[in-house]
Amino acid sequence: IDPRCAYCQKGQQINEREVACVKHGI
């Protein structure tokens, strides 16, 4: 699988273009 923050355990998708990451923020 191609790694993307959209489907990472450490991220939560905010909207269609942004993810809130535990390690790196938005």
PDB file of all heavy atoms in Angstrom:
ATOM      1  N   ILE A   1       0.842  -1.192   0.000  1.00  0.00           N
ATOM      2  CA  ILE A   1       0.000   0.000   0.000  1.00  0.00           C
ATOM      3  C   ILE A   1       0.884   1.251   0.000  1.00  0.00           C
ATOM      4  O   ILE A   1       1.919   1.288   0.638  1.00  0.00           O
ATOM      5  CB  ILE A   1      -0.941  -0.007   1.227  1.00  0.00           C
ATOM      6  CG1 ILE A   1      -2.045   1.005   1.069  1.00  0.00           C
ATOM      7  CG2 ILE A   1      -0.224   0.205   2.512  1.00  0.00           C
ATOM      8  CD1 ILE A   1      -3.142   0.535   0.205  1.00  0.00           C
ATOM      9  N   ASP A   2       0.478   2.270  -0.762  1.00  0.00           N
ATOM     10  CA  ASP A   2       1.193   3.544  -0.758  1.00  0.00           C
ATOM     11  C   ASP A   2       0.887   4.261   0.548  1.00  0.00           C
ATOM     12  O   ASP A   2      -0.282   4.478   0.872  1.00  0.00           O
ATOM     13  CB  ASP A   2       0.759   4.412  -1.936  1.00  0.00           C
ATOM     14  CG  ASP A   2       1.175   3.836  -3.264  1.00  0.00           C
ATOM     15  OD1 ASP A   2       2.248   3.204  -3.309  1.00  0.00           O
ATOM     16  OD2 ASP A   2       0.441   4.024  -4.243  1.00  0.00           O
ATOM     17  N   PRO A   3       1.907   4.644   1.314  1.00  0.00           N
ATOM     18  CA  PRO A   3       1.644   5.301   2.601  1.00  0.00           C
ATOM     19  C   PRO A   3       1.039   6.691   2.417  1.00  0.00           C
ATOM     20  O   PRO A   3       1.504   7.476   1.603  1.00  0.00           O
ATOM     21  CB  PRO A   3       3.022   5.378   3.250  1.00  0.00           C
ATOM     22  CG  PRO A   3       3.994   5.243   2.157  1.00  0.00           C
ATOM     23  CD  PRO A   3       3.327   4.469   1.064  1.00  0.00           C
ATOM     24  N   ARG A   4      -0.027   6.961   3.143  1.00  0.00           N
ATOM     25  CA  ARG A   4      -0.688   8.269   3.148  1.00  0.00           C
ATOM     26  C   ARG A   4      -1.237   8.499   4.549  1.00  0.00           C
ATOM     27  O   ARG A   4      -1.743   7.579   5.180  1.00  0.00           O
ATOM     28  CB  ARG A   4      -1.851   8.310   2.155  1.00  0.00           C
ATOM     29  CG  ARG A   4      -1.441   8.130   0.724  1.00  0.00           C
ATOM     30  CD  ARG A   4      -2.620   8.181  -0.184  1.00  0.00           C
ATOM     31  NE  ARG A   4      -3.074   9.564  -0.255  1.00  0.00           N
ATOM     32  CZ  ARG A   4      -4.133   9.950  -0.927  1.00  0.00           C
ATOM     33  NH1 ARG A   4      -4.855   9.074  -1.563  1.00  0.00           N
ATOM     34  NH2 ARG A   4      -4.484  11.204  -0.959  1.00  0.00           N
ATOM     35  N   CYS A   5      -1.157   9.719   5.012  1.00  0.00           N
ATOM     36  CA  CYS A   5      -1.665  10.043   6.342  1.00  0.00           C
ATOM     37  C   CYS A   5      -3.179   9.835   6.448  1.00  0.00           C
ATOM     38  O   CYS A   5      -3.700   9.673   7.542  1.00  0.00           O
ATOM     39  CB  CYS A   5      -1.307  11.481   6.707  1.00  0.00           C
ATOM     40  SG  CYS A   5       0.432  11.707   7.089  1.00  0.00           S
ATOM     41  N   ALA A   6      -3.864   9.827   5.335  1.00  0.00           N
ATOM     42  CA  ALA A   6      -5.317   9.654   5.343  1.00  0.00           C
ATOM     43  C   ALA A   6      -5.723   8.313   5.948  1.00  0.00           C
ATOM     44  O   ALA A   6      -6.784   8.198   6.548  1.00  0.00           O
ATOM     45  CB  ALA A   6      -5.877   9.776   3.933  1.00  0.00           C
ATOM     46  N   TYR A   7      -4.878   7.276   5.813  1.00  0.00           N
ATOM     47  CA  TYR A   7      -5.202   5.984   6.409  1.00  0.00           C
ATOM     48  C   TYR A   7      -4.077   5.450   7.281  1.00  0.00           C
ATOM     49  O   TYR A   7      -3.715   4.280   7.237  1.00  0.00           O
ATOM     50  CB  TYR A   7      -5.648   4.949   5.368  1.00  0.00           C
ATOM     51  CG  TYR A   7      -4.960   5.015   4.032  1.00  0.00           C
ATOM     52  CD1 TYR A   7      -3.743   4.404   3.813  1.00  0.00           C
ATOM     53  CD2 TYR A   7      -5.560   5.680   2.976  1.00  0.00           C
ATOM     54  CE1 TYR A   7      -3.135   4.450   2.581  1.00  0.00           C
ATOM     55  CE2 TYR A   7      -4.940   5.742   1.748  1.00  0.00           C
ATOM     56  CZ  TYR A   7      -3.743   5.119   1.561  1.00  0.00           C
ATOM     57  OH  TYR A   7      -3.139   5.173   0.336  1.00  0.00           O
ATOM     58  N   CYS A   8      -3.555   6.329   8.115  1.00  0.00           N
ATOM     59  CA  CYS A   8      -2.548   5.974   9.108  1.00  0.00           C
ATOM     60  C   CYS A   8      -3.220   5.880  10.478  1.00  0.00           C
ATOM     61  O   CYS A   8      -4.169   6.605  10.762  1.00  0.00           O
ATOM     62  CB  CYS A   8      -1.447   7.032   9.137  1.00  0.00           C
ATOM     63  SG  CYS A   8      -0.186   6.747  10.394  1.00  0.00           S
ATOM     64  N   GLN A   9      -2.735   4.997  11.329  1.00  0.00           N
ATOM     65  CA  GLN A   9      -3.284   4.854  12.672  1.00  0.00           C
ATOM     66  C   GLN A   9      -3.094   6.110  13.509  1.00  0.00           C
ATOM     67  O   GLN A   9      -3.884   6.394  14.399  1.00  0.00           O
ATOM     68  CB  GLN A   9      -2.622   3.682  13.395  1.00  0.00           C
ATOM     69  CG  GLN A   9      -2.986   2.346  12.857  1.00  0.00           C
ATOM     70  CD  GLN A   9      -2.233   1.224  13.568  1.00  0.00           C
ATOM     71  OE1 GLN A   9      -1.364   1.482  14.389  1.00  0.00           O
ATOM     72  NE2 GLN A   9      -2.567  -0.004  13.234  1.00  0.00           N
ATOM     73  N   LYS A  10      -2.070   6.876  13.227  1.00  0.00           N
ATOM     74  CA  LYS A  10      -1.750   8.055  14.026  1.00  0.00           C
ATOM     75  C   LYS A  10      -2.466   9.320  13.560  1.00  0.00           C
ATOM     76  O   LYS A  10      -2.308  10.370  14.171  1.00  0.00           O
ATOM     77  CB  LYS A  10      -0.244   8.295  13.999  1.00  0.00           C
ATOM     78  CG  LYS A  10       0.539   7.167  14.636  1.00  0.00           C
ATOM     79  CD  LYS A  10       1.998   7.470  14.616  1.00  0.00           C
ATOM     80  CE  LYS A  10       2.876   6.418  15.201  1.00  0.00           C
ATOM     81  NZ  LYS A  10       2.321   5.342  15.915  1.00  0.00           N
ATOM     82  N   GLY A  11      -3.245   9.245  12.496  1.00  0.00           N
ATOM     83  CA  GLY A  11      -3.917  10.423  11.962  1.00  0.00           C
ATOM     84  C   GLY A  11      -5.423  10.319  12.025  1.00  0.00           C
ATOM     85  O   GLY A  11      -5.991   9.233  12.009  1.00  0.00           O
ATOM     86  N   GLN A  12      -6.066  11.473  12.087  1.00  0.00           N
ATOM     87  CA  GLN A  12      -7.523  11.553  12.045  1.00  0.00           C
ATOM     88  C   GLN A  12      -7.897  12.563  10.982  1.00  0.00           C
ATOM     89  O   GLN A  12      -7.502  13.726  11.056  1.00  0.00           O
ATOM     90  CB  GLN A  12      -8.070  11.994  13.411  1.00  0.00           C
ATOM     91  CG  GLN A  12      -9.562  12.084  13.473  1.00  0.00           C
ATOM     92  CD  GLN A  12     -10.227  10.734  13.315  1.00  0.00           C
ATOM     93  OE1 GLN A  12      -9.738   9.725  13.802  1.00  0.00           O
ATOM     94  NE2 GLN A  12     -11.335  10.710  12.622  1.00  0.00           N
ATOM     95  N   GLN A  13      -8.660  12.142   9.978  1.00  0.00           N
ATOM     96  CA  GLN A  13      -8.995  13.030   8.874  1.00  0.00           C
ATOM     97  C   GLN A  13      -9.946  14.121   9.339  1.00  0.00           C
ATOM     98  O   GLN A  13     -10.983  13.861   9.943  1.00  0.00           O
ATOM     99  CB  GLN A  13      -9.600  12.244   7.721  1.00  0.00           C
ATOM    100  CG  GLN A  13      -9.664  13.051   6.455  1.00  0.00           C
ATOM    101  CD  GLN A  13      -9.720  12.177   5.211  1.00  0.00           C
ATOM    102  OE1 GLN A  13      -9.614  10.974   5.288  1.00  0.00           O
ATOM    103  NE2 GLN A  13      -9.868  12.812   4.083  1.00  0.00           N
ATOM    104  N   ILE A  14      -9.566  15.379   9.047  1.00  0.00           N
ATOM    105  CA  ILE A  14     -10.366  16.546   9.435  1.00  0.00           C
ATOM    106  C   ILE A  14     -11.375  16.875   8.347  1.00  0.00           C
ATOM    107  O   ILE A  14     -12.553  17.068   8.612  1.00  0.00           O
ATOM    108  CB  ILE A  14      -9.458  17.772   9.671  1.00  0.00           C
ATOM    109  CG1 ILE A  14      -8.481  17.490  10.796  1.00  0.00           C
ATOM    110  CG2 ILE A  14     -10.284  19.006   9.976  1.00  0.00           C
ATOM    111  CD1 ILE A  14      -7.421  18.548  10.958  1.00  0.00           C
ATOM    112  N   ASN A  15     -10.886  16.975   7.106  1.00  0.00           N
ATOM    113  CA  ASN A  15     -11.746  17.243   5.954  1.00  0.00           C
ATOM    114  C   ASN A  15     -11.147  16.503   4.761  1.00  0.00           C
ATOM    115  O   ASN A  15     -10.309  15.623   4.940  1.00  0.00           O
ATOM    116  CB  ASN A  15     -11.888  18.755   5.702  1.00  0.00           C
ATOM    117  CG  ASN A  15     -10.558  19.445   5.516  1.00  0.00           C
ATOM    118  OD1 ASN A  15      -9.618  18.874   4.964  1.00  0.00           O
ATOM    119  ND2 ASN A  15     -10.457  20.673   5.979  1.00  0.00           N
ATOM    120  N   GLU A  16     -11.564  16.840   3.555  1.00  0.00           N
ATOM    121  CA  GLU A  16     -11.115  16.111   2.359  1.00  0.00           C
ATOM    122  C   GLU A  16      -9.637  16.299   2.067  1.00  0.00           C
ATOM    123  O   GLU A  16      -9.033  15.487   1.388  1.00  0.00           O
ATOM    124  CB  GLU A  16     -11.926  16.566   1.151  1.00  0.00           C
ATOM    125  CG  GLU A  16     -13.387  16.248   1.266  1.00  0.00           C
ATOM    126  CD  GLU A  16     -14.204  16.921   0.182  1.00  0.00           C
ATOM    127  OE1 GLU A  16     -13.629  17.699  -0.604  1.00  0.00           O
ATOM    128  OE2 GLU A  16     -15.403  16.660   0.126  1.00  0.00           O
ATOM    129  N   ARG A  17      -9.026  17.370   2.582  1.00  0.00           N
ATOM    130  CA  ARG A  17      -7.642  17.682   2.231  1.00  0.00           C
ATOM    131  C   ARG A  17      -6.663  17.652   3.394  1.00  0.00           C
ATOM    132  O   ARG A  17      -5.469  17.707   3.175  1.00  0.00           O
ATOM    133  CB  ARG A  17      -7.576  19.061   1.572  1.00  0.00           C
ATOM    134  CG  ARG A  17      -8.334  19.122   0.259  1.00  0.00           C
ATOM    135  CD  ARG A  17      -8.281  20.494  -0.332  1.00  0.00           C
ATOM    136  NE  ARG A  17      -9.001  21.408   0.562  1.00  0.00           N
ATOM    137  CZ  ARG A  17      -8.778  22.698   0.660  1.00  0.00           C
ATOM    138  NH1 ARG A  17      -7.865  23.268  -0.066  1.00  0.00           N
ATOM    139  NH2 ARG A  17      -9.478  23.449   1.475  1.00  0.00           N
ATOM    140  N   GLU A  18      -7.132  17.554   4.635  1.00  0.00           N
ATOM    141  CA  GLU A  18      -6.243  17.646   5.785  1.00  0.00           C
ATOM    142  C   GLU A  18      -6.465  16.533   6.795  1.00  0.00           C
ATOM    143  O   GLU A  18      -7.575  16.042   6.967  1.00  0.00           O
ATOM    144  CB  GLU A  18      -6.428  18.994   6.488  1.00  0.00           C
ATOM    145  CG  GLU A  18      -6.041  20.176   5.631  1.00  0.00           C
ATOM    146  CD  GLU A  18      -6.322  21.489   6.317  1.00  0.00           C
ATOM    147  OE1 GLU A  18      -7.309  21.581   7.074  1.00  0.00           O
ATOM    148  OE2 GLU A  18      -5.548  22.422   6.082  1.00  0.00           O
ATOM    149  N   VAL A  19      -5.347  16.169   7.459  1.00  0.00           N
ATOM    150  CA  VAL A  19      -5.353  15.129   8.484  1.00  0.00           C
ATOM    151  C   VAL A  19      -4.675  15.700   9.727  1.00  0.00           C
ATOM    152  O   VAL A  19      -3.659  16.388   9.624  1.00  0.00           O
ATOM    153  CB  VAL A  19      -4.587  13.878   8.001  1.00  0.00           C
ATOM    154  CG1 VAL A  19      -4.441  12.860   9.107  1.00  0.00           C
ATOM    155  CG2 VAL A  19      -5.268  13.266   6.805  1.00  0.00           C
ATOM    156  N   ALA A  20      -5.229  15.410  10.898  1.00  0.00           N
ATOM    157  CA  ALA A  20      -4.596  15.795  12.155  1.00  0.00           C
ATOM    158  C   ALA A  20      -3.733  14.624  12.607  1.00  0.00           C
ATOM    159  O   ALA A  20      -4.236  13.578  12.991  1.00  0.00           O
ATOM    160  CB  ALA A  20      -5.645  16.128  13.203  1.00  0.00           C
ATOM    161  N   CYS A  21      -2.418  14.803  12.544  1.00  0.00           N
ATOM    162  CA  CYS A  21      -1.466  13.756  12.899  1.00  0.00           C
ATOM    163  C   CYS A  21      -1.003  13.954  14.344  1.00  0.00           C
ATOM    164  O   CYS A  21      -0.766  15.083  14.777  1.00  0.00           O
ATOM    165  CB  CYS A  21      -0.260  13.811  11.955  1.00  0.00           C
ATOM    166  SG  CYS A  21       1.031  12.621  12.349  1.00  0.00           S
ATOM    167  N   VAL A  22      -0.853  12.871  15.073  1.00  0.00           N
ATOM    168  CA  VAL A  22      -0.386  12.927  16.449  1.00  0.00           C
ATOM    169  C   VAL A  22       1.045  13.457  16.512  1.00  0.00           C
ATOM    170  O   VAL A  22       1.408  14.198  17.422  1.00  0.00           O
ATOM    171  CB  VAL A  22      -0.463  11.518  17.086  1.00  0.00           C
ATOM    172  CG1 VAL A  22       0.161  11.498  18.458  1.00  0.00           C
ATOM    173  CG2 VAL A  22      -1.889  11.039  17.135  1.00  0.00           C
ATOM    174  N   LYS A  23       1.864  13.108  15.541  1.00  0.00           N
ATOM    175  CA  LYS A  23       3.281  13.474  15.541  1.00  0.00           C
ATOM    176  C   LYS A  23       3.582  14.792  14.827  1.00  0.00           C
ATOM    177  O   LYS A  23       4.474  15.517  15.223  1.00  0.00           O
ATOM    178  CB  LYS A  23       4.100  12.368  14.874  1.00  0.00           C
ATOM    179  CG  LYS A  23       4.010  11.041  15.577  1.00  0.00           C
ATOM    180  CD  LYS A  23       4.649  11.117  16.939  1.00  0.00           C
ATOM    181  CE  LYS A  23       4.560   9.799  17.648  1.00  0.00           C
ATOM    182  NZ  LYS A  23       5.114   9.819  18.972  1.00  0.00           N
ATOM    183  N   HIS A  24       2.851  15.118  13.750  1.00  0.00           N
ATOM    184  CA  HIS A  24       3.202  16.265  12.905  1.00  0.00           C
ATOM    185  C   HIS A  24       2.137  17.363  12.840  1.00  0.00           C
ATOM    186  O   HIS A  24       2.313  18.333  12.111  1.00  0.00           O
ATOM    187  CB  HIS A  24       3.521  15.788  11.485  1.00  0.00           C
ATOM    188  CG  HIS A  24       4.703  14.894  11.423  1.00  0.00           C
ATOM    189  ND1 HIS A  24       5.996  15.356  11.542  1.00  0.00           N
ATOM    190  CD2 HIS A  24       4.806  13.551  11.283  1.00  0.00           C
ATOM    191  CE1 HIS A  24       6.843  14.339  11.456  1.00  0.00           C
ATOM    192  NE2 HIS A  24       6.132  13.238  11.316  1.00  0.00           N
ATOM    193  N   GLY A  25       1.039  17.214  13.551  1.00  0.00           N
ATOM    194  CA  GLY A  25      -0.009  18.234  13.528  1.00  0.00           C
ATOM    195  C   GLY A  25      -0.869  18.123  12.280  1.00  0.00           C
ATOM    196  O   GLY A  25      -1.125  17.039  11.776  1.00  0.00           O
ATOM    197  N   ILE A  26      -1.317  19.257  11.736  1.00  0.00           N
ATOM    198  CA  ILE A  26      -2.169  19.283  10.547  1.00  0.00           C
ATOM    199  C   ILE A  26      -1.296  19.116   9.301  1.00  0.00           C
ATOM    200  O   ILE A  26      -0.386  19.898   9.065  1.00  0.00           O
ATOM    201  CB  ILE A  26      -2.938  20.617  10.452  1.00  0.00           C
ATOM    202  CG1 ILE A  26      -3.685  20.896  11.746  1.00  0.00           C
ATOM    203  CG2 ILE A  26      -3.856  20.620   9.231  1.00  0.00           C
ATOM    204  CD1 ILE A  26      -4.942  20.109  11.953  1.00  0.00           C
TER     205      ILE A  26
END
